[in-house]
Amino acid sequence: MRNSDLEGAKRIIDSLAPGVRTDRERGALLAVTGIYTSLLKSKEGTMQSWDQGRVLRAAQSISASQMADEIDLGYSETLASYSRLMQTSA
């Protein structure tokens, strides 16, 4: 997804889905699917572009929440990792 290869990213996401076993992995897969969807919509012009700083702050907020479960943690860690990756490539 980092290189805008959305077709390849979709194939990878689809291949990873059957191997998901833990709640943290489920959360990570949800985040990746959300990132893919937002990039797809952005490419089609139906959504704003990715704001790395804003997403990173949201992910950190989720991780800091006392109510966060394993799915939330997997989701927020994946968002934070992708955001940092995008910041370093910009």
Protein backbone atom coordinates (compact mmCIF):
# COMPACT_ATOMS: atom_id res chain seq x y z
CA MET A 1 0.00 0.00 0.00
CA ARG A 2 2.92 2.28 0.69
CA ASN A 3 3.82 2.23 -3.01
CA SER A 4 0.22 2.70 -4.18
CA ASP A 5 -0.04 -0.88 -5.43
CA LEU A 6 -3.60 -1.31 -4.21
CA GLU A 7 -4.28 -4.43 -6.27
CA GLY A 8 -1.25 -6.16 -4.80
CA ALA A 9 -2.18 -4.97 -1.33
CA LYS A 10 -5.68 -6.42 -1.70
CA ARG A 11 -4.25 -9.80 -2.68
CA ILE A 12 -1.93 -9.77 0.33
CA ILE A 13 -4.75 -8.79 2.71
CA ASP A 14 -6.92 -11.58 1.32
CA SER A 15 -4.11 -14.11 1.73
CA LEU A 16 -3.41 -13.06 5.33
CA ALA A 17 -7.02 -13.23 6.52
CA PRO A 18 -7.25 -17.03 6.92
CA GLY A 19 -4.11 -17.07 9.10
CA VAL A 20 -5.45 -14.62 11.69
CA ARG A 21 -5.74 -16.41 15.02
CA THR A 22 -5.59 -13.92 17.89
CA ASP A 23 -7.66 -10.88 18.76
CA ARG A 24 -4.61 -8.65 18.33
CA GLU A 25 -4.14 -10.04 14.81
CA ARG A 26 -7.85 -9.46 14.11
CA GLY A 27 -7.44 -5.83 15.16
CA ALA A 28 -4.40 -5.46 12.93
CA LEU A 29 -6.27 -6.95 9.98
CA LEU A 30 -9.17 -4.56 10.60
CA ALA A 31 -6.75 -1.64 10.56
CA VAL A 32 -5.06 -2.79 7.36
CA THR A 33 -8.44 -3.26 5.70
CA GLY A 34 -9.43 0.25 6.81
CA ILE A 35 -6.19 1.72 5.50
CA TYR A 36 -6.73 -0.05 2.18
CA THR A 37 -10.31 1.24 1.94
CA SER A 38 -9.30 4.81 2.77
CA LEU A 39 -6.50 4.74 0.19
CA LEU A 40 -8.83 3.31 -2.42
CA LYS A 41 -11.41 6.01 -1.77
CA SER A 42 -8.71 8.67 -1.73
CA LYS A 43 -7.46 7.46 -5.10
CA GLU A 44 -11.01 7.68 -6.46
CA GLY A 45 -11.32 11.22 -5.08
CA THR A 46 -14.10 10.38 -2.60
CA MET A 47 -12.08 10.81 0.58
CA GLN A 48 -9.51 13.19 2.04
CA SER A 49 -5.87 12.23 1.86
CA TRP A 50 -4.13 10.40 4.69
CA ASP A 51 -3.04 12.70 7.55
CA GLN A 52 -0.23 10.77 9.25
CA GLY A 53 0.05 13.00 12.31
CA ARG A 54 -3.65 12.89 13.03
CA VAL A 55 -3.86 9.12 12.64
CA LEU A 56 -0.81 8.64 14.85
CA ARG A 57 -2.40 10.75 17.61
CA ALA A 58 -5.63 8.76 17.36
CA ALA A 59 -3.74 5.45 17.51
CA GLN A 60 -1.81 6.59 20.58
CA SER A 61 -5.06 7.65 22.22
CA ILE A 62 -6.57 4.21 21.63
CA SER A 63 -3.47 2.48 23.04
CA ALA A 64 -3.53 4.68 26.15
CA SER A 65 -7.18 3.93 26.89
CA GLN A 66 -7.78 1.71 29.90
CA MET A 67 -10.76 0.23 28.05
CA ALA A 68 -8.65 -0.98 25.12
CA ASP A 69 -8.75 -4.73 24.51
CA GLU A 70 -6.48 -6.87 22.35
CA ILE A 71 -8.40 -6.02 19.17
CA ASP A 72 -8.08 -2.30 19.92
CA LEU A 73 -4.36 -2.67 20.61
CA GLY A 74 -3.74 -4.56 17.37
CA TYR A 75 -5.72 -1.94 15.48
CA SER A 76 -3.94 1.04 17.04
CA GLU A 77 -0.46 -0.51 16.73
CA THR A 78 -1.02 -1.14 13.03
CA LEU A 79 -2.30 2.39 12.43
CA ALA A 80 0.66 3.85 14.32
CA SER A 81 3.16 1.70 12.43
CA TYR A 82 1.69 2.62 9.04
CA SER A 83 1.56 6.30 9.99
CA ARG A 84 5.22 6.30 11.03
CA LEU A 85 6.16 4.45 7.85
CA MET A 86 4.38 7.07 5.76
CA GLN A 87 5.99 9.94 7.69
CA THR A 88 9.48 8.60 7.07
CA SER A 89 8.82 8.10 3.36
CA ALA A 90 7.48 11.62 2.85
